[in-house]
């Protein structure tokens, strides 16, 4: 019984640690937010982030995105809004090399 409980606790942690996918609505909201709050400085295609933006590690992408959302954009984003913005920014750069 003791091992059964340990296994349940372990797999519960694994399931909770899996990253939640963003919804199409969250992606669309990120696109709108970017157009309203970010294009003035970063351009409509986010060129100010540089051509290798989509190739950065997730940790770097998150750090840069959070800095911009909390800093210059003066937003107070939720966790899902940050993730959606990262995915939107990646989509701007993923087909460009």
PDB file of N, CA and C in Angstrom:
ATOM      1  N   UNK A   1       0.822  -1.206   0.000  1.00  0.00           N
ATOM      2  CA  UNK A   1       0.000   0.000   0.000  1.00  0.00           C
ATOM      3  C   UNK A   1       0.864   1.267   0.000  1.00  0.00           C
ATOM      4  N   UNK A   2       1.949   1.236   0.758  1.00  0.00           N
ATOM      5  CA  UNK A   2       2.836   2.394   0.838  1.00  0.00           C
ATOM      6  C   UNK A   2       3.416   2.728  -0.539  1.00  0.00           C
ATOM      7  N   UNK A   3       3.817   1.710  -1.280  1.00  0.00           N
ATOM      8  CA  UNK A   3       4.391   1.929  -2.606  1.00  0.00           C
ATOM      9  C   UNK A   3       3.346   2.434  -3.598  1.00  0.00           C
ATOM     10  N   UNK A   4       2.138   1.972  -3.438  1.00  0.00           N
ATOM     11  CA  UNK A   4       1.047   2.428  -4.287  1.00  0.00           C
ATOM     12  C   UNK A   4       0.829   3.931  -4.120  1.00  0.00           C
ATOM     13  N   UNK A   5       0.851   4.409  -2.895  1.00  0.00           N
ATOM     14  CA  UNK A   5       0.673   5.840  -2.614  1.00  0.00           C
ATOM     15  C   UNK A   5       1.828   6.642  -3.199  1.00  0.00           C
ATOM     16  N   UNK A   6       3.041   6.130  -3.061  1.00  0.00           N
ATOM     17  CA  UNK A   6       4.210   6.821  -3.619  1.00  0.00           C
ATOM     18  C   UNK A   6       4.087   6.923  -5.140  1.00  0.00           C
ATOM     19  N   UNK A   7       3.662   5.855  -5.774  1.00  0.00           N
ATOM     20  CA  UNK A   7       3.491   5.859  -7.232  1.00  0.00           C
ATOM     21  C   UNK A   7       2.425   6.868  -7.644  1.00  0.00           C
ATOM     22  N   UNK A   8       1.329   6.919  -6.931  1.00  0.00           N
ATOM     23  CA  UNK A   8       0.263   7.886  -7.243  1.00  0.00           C
ATOM     24  C   UNK A   8       0.773   9.312  -7.095  1.00  0.00           C
ATOM     25  N   UNK A   9       1.494   9.587  -6.027  1.00  0.00           N
ATOM     26  CA  UNK A   9       2.039  10.936  -5.817  1.00  0.00           C
ATOM     27  C   UNK A   9       3.000  11.294  -6.943  1.00  0.00           C
ATOM     28  N   UNK A  10       3.861  10.360  -7.332  1.00  0.00           N
ATOM     29  CA  UNK A  10       4.822  10.613  -8.400  1.00  0.00           C
ATOM     30  C   UNK A  10       4.118  10.947  -9.712  1.00  0.00           C
ATOM     31  N   UNK A  11       3.179  10.117 -10.118  1.00  0.00           N
ATOM     32  CA  UNK A  11       2.504  10.333 -11.400  1.00  0.00           C
ATOM     33  C   UNK A  11       1.593  11.555 -11.383  1.00  0.00           C
ATOM     34  N   UNK A  12       1.065  11.906 -10.221  1.00  0.00           N
ATOM     35  CA  UNK A  12       0.291  13.143 -10.118  1.00  0.00           C
ATOM     36  C   UNK A  12       1.192  14.332 -10.408  1.00  0.00           C
ATOM     37  N   UNK A  13       2.403  14.321  -9.863  1.00  0.00           N
ATOM     38  CA  UNK A  13       3.367  15.385 -10.131  1.00  0.00           C
ATOM     39  C   UNK A  13       3.756  15.454 -11.586  1.00  0.00           C
ATOM     40  N   UNK A  14       3.938  14.314 -12.213  1.00  0.00           N
ATOM     41  CA  UNK A  14       4.292  14.267 -13.637  1.00  0.00           C
ATOM     42  C   UNK A  14       3.174  14.861 -14.480  1.00  0.00           C
ATOM     43  N   UNK A  15       1.957  14.496 -14.181  1.00  0.00           N
ATOM     44  CA  UNK A  15       0.808  15.010 -14.934  1.00  0.00           C
ATOM     45  C   UNK A  15       0.668  16.513 -14.748  1.00  0.00           C
ATOM     46  N   UNK A  16       0.814  16.990 -13.525  1.00  0.00           N
ATOM     47  CA  UNK A  16       0.676  18.425 -13.269  1.00  0.00           C
ATOM     48  C   UNK A  16       1.808  19.226 -13.890  1.00  0.00           C
ATOM     49  N   UNK A  17       2.979  18.611 -14.032  1.00  0.00           N
ATOM     50  CA  UNK A  17       4.128  19.319 -14.590  1.00  0.00           C
ATOM     51  C   UNK A  17       4.056  19.468 -16.102  1.00  0.00           C
ATOM     52  N   UNK A  18       3.206  18.709 -16.761  1.00  0.00           N
ATOM     53  CA  UNK A  18       3.096  18.811 -18.211  1.00  0.00           C
ATOM     54  C   UNK A  18       2.555  20.184 -18.587  1.00  0.00           C
ATOM     55  N   UNK A  19       3.138  20.744 -19.622  1.00  0.00           N
ATOM     56  CA  UNK A  19       2.771  22.089 -20.042  1.00  0.00           C
ATOM     57  C   UNK A  19       1.412  22.100 -20.733  1.00  0.00           C
ATOM     58  N   UNK A  20       0.569  23.012 -20.283  1.00  0.00           N
ATOM     59  CA  UNK A  20      -0.759  23.175 -20.875  1.00  0.00           C
ATOM     60  C   UNK A  20      -0.615  23.869 -22.223  1.00  0.00           C
ATOM     61  N   UNK A  21      -1.285  23.348 -23.211  1.00  0.00           N
ATOM     62  CA  UNK A  21      -1.278  23.959 -24.545  1.00  0.00           C
ATOM     63  C   UNK A  21      -2.177  25.190 -24.532  1.00  0.00           C
ATOM     64  N   UNK A  22      -1.789  26.180 -25.323  1.00  0.00           N
ATOM     65  CA  UNK A  22      -2.629  27.374 -25.410  1.00  0.00           C
ATOM     66  C   UNK A  22      -3.777  27.115 -26.379  1.00  0.00           C
ATOM     67  N   UNK A  23      -4.852  27.827 -26.171  1.00  0.00           N
ATOM     68  CA  UNK A  23      -6.026  27.686 -27.028  1.00  0.00           C
ATOM     69  C   UNK A  23      -5.917  28.646 -28.211  1.00  0.00           C
ATOM     70  N   UNK A  24      -6.681  28.415 -29.274  1.00  0.00           N
ATOM     71  CA  UNK A  24      -6.699  29.367 -30.392  1.00  0.00           C
ATOM     72  C   UNK A  24      -7.126  30.767 -29.941  1.00  0.00           C
ATOM     73  N   UNK A  25      -8.013  30.839 -28.965  1.00  0.00           N
ATOM     74  CA  UNK A  25      -8.462  32.143 -28.456  1.00  0.00           C
ATOM     75  C   UNK A  25      -7.315  32.869 -27.753  1.00  0.00           C
ATOM     76  N   UNK A  26      -6.516  32.128 -26.970  1.00  0.00           N
ATOM     77  CA  UNK A  26      -5.372  32.736 -26.287  1.00  0.00           C
ATOM     78  C   UNK A  26      -4.339  33.222 -27.302  1.00  0.00           C
ATOM     79  N   UNK A  27      -4.134  32.444 -28.363  1.00  0.00           N
ATOM     80  CA  UNK A  27      -3.203  32.833 -29.418  1.00  0.00           C
ATOM     81  C   UNK A  27      -3.683  34.112 -30.095  1.00  0.00           C
ATOM     82  N   UNK A  28      -4.972  34.175 -30.411  1.00  0.00           N
ATOM     83  CA  UNK A  28      -5.551  35.354 -31.070  1.00  0.00           C
ATOM     84  C   UNK A  28      -5.432  36.584 -30.166  1.00  0.00           C
ATOM     85  N   UNK A  29      -5.652  36.403 -28.867  1.00  0.00           N
ATOM     86  CA  UNK A  29      -5.523  37.513 -27.921  1.00  0.00           C
ATOM     87  C   UNK A  29      -4.072  38.002 -27.866  1.00  0.00           C
ATOM     88  N   UNK A  30      -3.116  37.076 -27.911  1.00  0.00           N
ATOM     89  CA  UNK A  30      -1.704  37.458 -27.925  1.00  0.00           C
ATOM     90  C   UNK A  30      -1.379  38.262 -29.180  1.00  0.00           C
ATOM     91  N   UNK A  31      -1.918  37.831 -30.310  1.00  0.00           N
ATOM     92  CA  UNK A  31      -1.713  38.560 -31.568  1.00  0.00           C
ATOM     93  C   UNK A  31      -2.260  39.981 -31.461  1.00  0.00           C
ATOM     94  N   UNK A  32      -3.457  40.125 -30.939  1.00  0.00           N
ATOM     95  CA  UNK A  32      -4.074  41.440 -30.777  1.00  0.00           C
ATOM     96  C   UNK A  32      -3.277  42.307 -29.800  1.00  0.00           C
ATOM     97  N   UNK A  33      -2.858  41.723 -28.694  1.00  0.00           N
ATOM     98  CA  UNK A  33      -2.057  42.457 -27.709  1.00  0.00           C
ATOM     99  C   UNK A  33      -0.762  42.937 -28.336  1.00  0.00           C
ATOM    100  N   UNK A  34      -0.099  42.069 -29.106  1.00  0.00           N
ATOM    101  CA  UNK A  34       1.147  42.453 -29.763  1.00  0.00           C
ATOM    102  C   UNK A  34       0.914  43.623 -30.708  1.00  0.00           C
ATOM    103  N   UNK A  35      -0.149  43.536 -31.498  1.00  0.00           N
ATOM    104  CA  UNK A  35      -0.441  44.609 -32.456  1.00  0.00           C
ATOM    105  C   UNK A  35      -0.750  45.927 -31.755  1.00  0.00           C
ATOM    106  N   UNK A  36      -1.427  45.861 -30.611  1.00  0.00           N
ATOM    107  CA  UNK A  36      -1.810  47.079 -29.896  1.00  0.00           C
ATOM    108  C   UNK A  36      -0.682  47.659 -29.050  1.00  0.00           C
ATOM    109  N   UNK A  37       0.134  46.805 -28.460  1.00  0.00           N
ATOM    110  CA  UNK A  37       1.102  47.264 -27.467  1.00  0.00           C
ATOM    111  C   UNK A  37       2.565  47.194 -27.894  1.00  0.00           C
ATOM    112  N   UNK A  38       2.875  46.419 -28.920  1.00  0.00           N
ATOM    113  CA  UNK A  38       4.284  46.123 -29.194  1.00  0.00           C
ATOM    114  C   UNK A  38       4.800  46.578 -30.556  1.00  0.00           C
ATOM    115  N   UNK A  39       3.906  46.726 -31.531  1.00  0.00           N
ATOM    116  CA  UNK A  39       4.369  46.994 -32.897  1.00  0.00           C
ATOM    117  C   UNK A  39       5.058  48.340 -33.056  1.00  0.00           C
ATOM    118  N   UNK A  40       4.722  49.298 -32.233  1.00  0.00           N
ATOM    119  CA  UNK A  40       5.359  50.612 -32.352  1.00  0.00           C
ATOM    120  C   UNK A  40       6.883  50.491 -32.269  1.00  0.00           C
ATOM    121  N   UNK A  41       7.364  49.678 -31.341  1.00  0.00           N
ATOM    122  CA  UNK A  41       8.813  49.515 -31.175  1.00  0.00           C
ATOM    123  C   UNK A  41       9.382  48.304 -31.913  1.00  0.00           C
ATOM    124  N   UNK A  42       8.609  47.222 -31.977  1.00  0.00           N
ATOM    125  CA  UNK A  42       9.136  45.969 -32.505  1.00  0.00           C
ATOM    126  C   UNK A  42       8.719  45.677 -33.936  1.00  0.00           C
ATOM    127  N   UNK A  43       7.882  46.517 -34.513  1.00  0.00           N
ATOM    128  CA  UNK A  43       7.413  46.283 -35.870  1.00  0.00           C
ATOM    129  C   UNK A  43       6.342  45.210 -35.915  1.00  0.00           C
ATOM    130  N   UNK A  44       5.583  45.193 -36.983  1.00  0.00           N
ATOM    131  CA  UNK A  44       4.458  44.260 -37.088  1.00  0.00           C
ATOM    132  C   UNK A  44       4.899  42.800 -37.159  1.00  0.00           C
ATOM    133  N   UNK A  45       6.151  42.577 -37.542  1.00  0.00           N
ATOM    134  CA  UNK A  45       6.669  41.213 -37.604  1.00  0.00           C
ATOM    135  C   UNK A  45       7.671  40.928 -36.498  1.00  0.00           C
ATOM    136  N   UNK A  46       7.768  41.825 -35.532  1.00  0.00           N
ATOM    137  CA  UNK A  46       8.667  41.609 -34.403  1.00  0.00           C
ATOM    138  C   UNK A  46      10.137  41.587 -34.772  1.00  0.00           C
ATOM    139  N   UNK A  47      10.507  42.310 -35.798  1.00  0.00           N
ATOM    140  CA  UNK A  47      11.891  42.275 -36.284  1.00  0.00           C
ATOM    141  C   UNK A  47      12.899  42.785 -35.266  1.00  0.00           C
ATOM    142  N   UNK A  48      12.473  43.625 -34.349  1.00  0.00           N
ATOM    143  CA  UNK A  48      13.398  44.147 -33.348  1.00  0.00           C
ATOM    144  C   UNK A  48      13.910  43.050 -32.416  1.00  0.00           C
ATOM    145  N   UNK A  49      13.242  41.908 -32.398  1.00  0.00           N
ATOM    146  CA  UNK A  49      13.701  40.800 -31.562  1.00  0.00           C
ATOM    147  C   UNK A  49      14.877  40.063 -32.197  1.00  0.00           C
ATOM    148  N   UNK A  50      15.096  40.259 -33.464  1.00  0.00           N
ATOM    149  CA  UNK A  50      16.198  39.596 -34.151  1.00  0.00           C
ATOM    150  C   UNK A  50      15.749  38.346 -34.884  1.00  0.00           C
ATOM    151  N   UNK A  51      16.534  37.972 -35.895  1.00  0.00           N
ATOM    152  CA  UNK A  51      16.135  36.857 -36.756  1.00  0.00           C
ATOM    153  C   UNK A  51      16.238  35.491 -36.082  1.00  0.00           C
ATOM    154  N   UNK A  52      16.981  35.378 -34.999  1.00  0.00           N
ATOM    155  CA  UNK A  52      17.140  34.091 -34.320  1.00  0.00           C
ATOM    156  C   UNK A  52      16.202  33.923 -33.132  1.00  0.00           C
ATOM    157  N   UNK A  53      15.225  34.789 -33.009  1.00  0.00           N
ATOM    158  CA  UNK A  53      14.313  34.745 -31.868  1.00  0.00           C
ATOM    159  C   UNK A  53      13.675  33.375 -31.694  1.00  0.00           C
ATOM    160  N   UNK A  54      13.137  32.811 -32.750  1.00  0.00           N
ATOM    161  CA  UNK A  54      12.430  31.524 -32.662  1.00  0.00           C
ATOM    162  C   UNK A  54      13.364  30.369 -32.340  1.00  0.00           C
ATOM    163  N   UNK A  55      14.662  30.576 -32.503  1.00  0.00           N
ATOM    164  CA  UNK A  55      15.628  29.512 -32.236  1.00  0.00           C
ATOM    165  C   UNK A  55      16.181  29.564 -30.812  1.00  0.00           C
ATOM    166  N   UNK A  56      15.793  30.579 -30.050  1.00  0.00           N
ATOM    167  CA  UNK A  56      16.263  30.697 -28.674  1.00  0.00           C
ATOM    168  C   UNK A  56      15.672  29.582 -27.817  1.00  0.00           C
ATOM    169  N   UNK A  57      16.345  29.284 -26.715  1.00  0.00           N
ATOM    170  CA  UNK A  57      15.814  28.302 -25.775  1.00  0.00           C
ATOM    171  C   UNK A  57      14.571  28.878 -25.106  1.00  0.00           C
ATOM    172  N   UNK A  58      13.662  27.986 -24.704  1.00  0.00           N
ATOM    173  CA  UNK A  58      12.397  28.425 -24.089  1.00  0.00           C
ATOM    174  C   UNK A  58      12.635  29.330 -22.886  1.00  0.00           C
ATOM    175  N   UNK A  59      13.651  29.032 -22.095  1.00  0.00           N
ATOM    176  CA  UNK A  59      13.944  29.838 -20.905  1.00  0.00           C
ATOM    177  C   UNK A  59      14.303  31.271 -21.295  1.00  0.00           C
ATOM    178  N   UNK A  60      15.104  31.418 -22.348  1.00  0.00           N
ATOM    179  CA  UNK A  60      15.479  32.745 -22.839  1.00  0.00           C
ATOM    180  C   UNK A  60      14.272  33.479 -23.427  1.00  0.00           C
ATOM    181  N   UNK A  61      13.468  32.745 -24.201  1.00  0.00           N
ATOM    182  CA  UNK A  61      12.259  33.335 -24.788  1.00  0.00           C
ATOM    183  C   UNK A  61      11.341  33.860 -23.693  1.00  0.00           C
ATOM    184  N   UNK A  62      11.168  33.056 -22.674  1.00  0.00           N
ATOM    185  CA  UNK A  62      10.289  33.440 -21.575  1.00  0.00           C
ATOM    186  C   UNK A  62      10.822  34.686 -20.865  1.00  0.00           C
ATOM    187  N   UNK A  63      12.119  34.690 -20.576  1.00  0.00           N
ATOM    188  CA  UNK A  63      12.714  35.832 -19.882  1.00  0.00           C
ATOM    189  C   UNK A  63      12.533  37.118 -20.695  1.00  0.00           C
ATOM    190  N   UNK A  64      12.851  37.068 -21.965  1.00  0.00           N
ATOM    191  CA  UNK A  64      12.723  38.239 -22.834  1.00  0.00           C
ATOM    192  C   UNK A  64      11.265  38.688 -22.943  1.00  0.00           C
ATOM    193  N   UNK A  65      10.369  37.732 -23.138  1.00  0.00           N
ATOM    194  CA  UNK A  65       8.949  38.052 -23.291  1.00  0.00           C
ATOM    195  C   UNK A  65       8.377  38.655 -22.016  1.00  0.00           C
ATOM    196  N   UNK A  66       8.704  38.069 -20.870  1.00  0.00           N
ATOM    197  CA  UNK A  66       8.235  38.624 -19.595  1.00  0.00           C
ATOM    198  C   UNK A  66       8.756  40.042 -19.391  1.00  0.00           C
ATOM    199  N   UNK A  67      10.050  40.248 -19.667  1.00  0.00           N
ATOM    200  CA  UNK A  67      10.631  41.588 -19.513  1.00  0.00           C
ATOM    201  C   UNK A  67       9.879  42.620 -20.343  1.00  0.00           C
ATOM    202  N   UNK A  68       9.555  42.267 -21.571  1.00  0.00           N
ATOM    203  CA  UNK A  68       8.854  43.203 -22.450  1.00  0.00           C
ATOM    204  C   UNK A  68       7.400  43.411 -22.021  1.00  0.00           C
ATOM    205  N   UNK A  69       6.731  42.344 -21.603  1.00  0.00           N
ATOM    206  CA  UNK A  69       5.316  42.462 -21.227  1.00  0.00           C
ATOM    207  C   UNK A  69       5.140  43.250 -19.930  1.00  0.00           C
ATOM    208  N   UNK A  70       5.988  42.980 -18.946  1.00  0.00           N
ATOM    209  CA  UNK A  70       5.878  43.696 -17.677  1.00  0.00           C
ATOM    210  C   UNK A  70       6.501  45.085 -17.766  1.00  0.00           C
ATOM    211  N   UNK A  71       7.560  45.210 -18.561  1.00  0.00           N
ATOM    212  CA  UNK A  71       8.297  46.464 -18.653  1.00  0.00           C
ATOM    213  C   UNK A  71       7.659  47.458 -19.599  1.00  0.00           C
ATOM    214  N   UNK A  72       8.216  47.597 -20.796  1.00  0.00           N
ATOM    215  CA  UNK A  72       7.740  48.623 -21.729  1.00  0.00           C
ATOM    216  C   UNK A  72       6.248  48.553 -22.064  1.00  0.00           C
ATOM    217  N   UNK A  73       5.703  47.357 -22.182  1.00  0.00           N
ATOM    218  CA  UNK A  73       4.280  47.236 -22.547  1.00  0.00           C
ATOM    219  C   UNK A  73       3.351  47.558 -21.378  1.00  0.00           C
ATOM    220  N   UNK A  74       3.906  47.527 -20.183  1.00  0.00           N
ATOM    221  CA  UNK A  74       3.138  47.830 -18.957  1.00  0.00           C
ATOM    222  C   UNK A  74       1.880  46.977 -18.829  1.00  0.00           C
ATOM    223  N   UNK A  75       2.055  45.699 -19.110  1.00  0.00           N
ATOM    224  CA  UNK A  75       0.958  44.747 -18.957  1.00  0.00           C
ATOM    225  C   UNK A  75       1.134  44.021 -17.629  1.00  0.00           C
ATOM    226  N   UNK A  76       0.121  43.334 -17.209  1.00  0.00           N
ATOM    227  CA  UNK A  76       0.203  42.474 -16.035  1.00  0.00           C
ATOM    228  C   UNK A  76      -0.296  41.093 -16.468  1.00  0.00           C
ATOM    229  N   UNK A  77       0.518  40.389 -17.298  1.00  0.00           N
ATOM    230  CA  UNK A  77       0.038  39.159 -17.928  1.00  0.00           C
ATOM    231  C   UNK A  77      -0.077  37.984 -16.967  1.00  0.00           C
ATOM    232  N   UNK A  78      -1.028  37.121 -17.273  1.00  0.00           N
ATOM    233  CA  UNK A  78      -1.163  35.858 -16.558  1.00  0.00           C
ATOM    234  C   UNK A  78      -0.167  34.870 -17.153  1.00  0.00           C
ATOM    235  N   UNK A  79      -0.033  33.732 -16.515  1.00  0.00           N
ATOM    236  CA  UNK A  79       0.854  32.683 -17.019  1.00  0.00           C
ATOM    237  C   UNK A  79       0.451  32.258 -18.434  1.00  0.00           C
ATOM    238  N   UNK A  80      -0.836  32.070 -18.653  1.00  0.00           N
ATOM    239  CA  UNK A  80      -1.283  31.635 -19.985  1.00  0.00           C
ATOM    240  C   UNK A  80      -1.073  32.730 -21.029  1.00  0.00           C
ATOM    241  N   UNK A  81      -1.182  33.992 -20.647  1.00  0.00           N
ATOM    242  CA  UNK A  81      -0.936  35.091 -21.592  1.00  0.00           C
ATOM    243  C   UNK A  81       0.537  35.161 -21.980  1.00  0.00           C
ATOM    244  N   UNK A  82       1.422  34.890 -21.037  1.00  0.00           N
ATOM    245  CA  UNK A  82       2.858  34.864 -21.347  1.00  0.00           C
ATOM    246  C   UNK A  82       3.154  33.726 -22.321  1.00  0.00           C
ATOM    247  N   UNK A  83       2.621  32.546 -22.040  1.00  0.00           N
ATOM    248  CA  UNK A  83       2.840  31.401 -22.927  1.00  0.00           C
ATOM    249  C   UNK A  83       2.276  31.662 -24.320  1.00  0.00           C
ATOM    250  N   UNK A  84       1.105  32.268 -24.377  1.00  0.00           N
ATOM    251  CA  UNK A  84       0.490  32.569 -25.673  1.00  0.00           C
ATOM    252  C   UNK A  84       1.324  33.580 -26.450  1.00  0.00           C
ATOM    253  N   UNK A  85       1.854  34.586 -25.762  1.00  0.00           N
ATOM    254  CA  UNK A  85       2.683  35.586 -26.433  1.00  0.00           C
ATOM    255  C   UNK A  85       3.958  34.948 -26.972  1.00  0.00           C
ATOM    256  N   UNK A  86       4.560  34.058 -26.202  1.00  0.00           N
ATOM    257  CA  UNK A  86       5.757  33.363 -26.675  1.00  0.00           C
ATOM    258  C   UNK A  86       5.440  32.585 -27.948  1.00  0.00           C
ATOM    259  N   UNK A  87       4.339  31.859 -27.943  1.00  0.00           N
ATOM    260  CA  UNK A  87       3.956  31.084 -29.129  1.00  0.00           C
ATOM    261  C   UNK A  87       3.669  31.998 -30.316  1.00  0.00           C
ATOM    262  N   UNK A  88       3.029  33.129 -30.059  1.00  0.00           N
ATOM    263  CA  UNK A  88       2.755  34.072 -31.147  1.00  0.00           C
ATOM    264  C   UNK A  88       4.066  34.614 -31.718  1.00  0.00           C
ATOM    265  N   UNK A  89       4.989  35.014 -30.847  1.00  0.00           N
ATOM    266  CA  UNK A  89       6.267  35.552 -31.312  1.00  0.00           C
ATOM    267  C   UNK A  89       7.061  34.506 -32.088  1.00  0.00           C
ATOM    268  N   UNK A  90       7.029  33.275 -31.629  1.00  0.00           N
ATOM    269  CA  UNK A  90       7.700  32.197 -32.361  1.00  0.00           C
ATOM    270  C   UNK A  90       7.084  32.052 -33.751  1.00  0.00           C
ATOM    271  N   UNK A  91       5.765  32.162 -33.826  1.00  0.00           N
ATOM    272  CA  UNK A  91       5.099  32.022 -35.129  1.00  0.00           C
ATOM    273  C   UNK A  91       5.513  33.122 -36.102  1.00  0.00           C
ATOM    274  N   UNK A  92       5.839  34.292 -35.594  1.00  0.00           N
ATOM    275  CA  UNK A  92       6.293  35.389 -36.457  1.00  0.00           C
ATOM    276  C   UNK A  92       7.652  35.091 -37.078  1.00  0.00           C
ATOM    277  N   UNK A  93       8.463  34.330 -36.374  1.00  0.00           N
ATOM    278  CA  UNK A  93       9.847  34.115 -36.786  1.00  0.00           C
ATOM    279  C   UNK A  93      10.145  32.720 -37.296  1.00  0.00           C
ATOM    280  N   UNK A  94       9.265  31.771 -37.053  1.00  0.00           N
ATOM    281  CA  UNK A  94       9.588  30.375 -37.348  1.00  0.00           C
ATOM    282  C   UNK A  94       9.770  30.074 -38.831  1.00  0.00           C
ATOM    283  N   UNK A  95       9.137  30.839 -39.694  1.00  0.00           N
ATOM    284  CA  UNK A  95       9.275  30.574 -41.131  1.00  0.00           C
ATOM    285  C   UNK A  95      10.303  31.477 -41.798  1.00  0.00           C
ATOM    286  N   UNK A  96      11.051  32.213 -40.998  1.00  0.00           N
ATOM    287  CA  UNK A  96      12.048  33.140 -41.552  1.00  0.00           C
ATOM    288  C   UNK A  96      13.439  32.710 -41.108  1.00  0.00           C
ATOM    289  N   UNK A  97      14.382  32.744 -41.984  1.00  0.00           N
ATOM    290  CA  UNK A  97      15.779  32.443 -41.640  1.00  0.00           C
ATOM    291  C   UNK A  97      16.698  33.459 -42.241  1.00  0.00           C
TER     292      UNK A  97
END
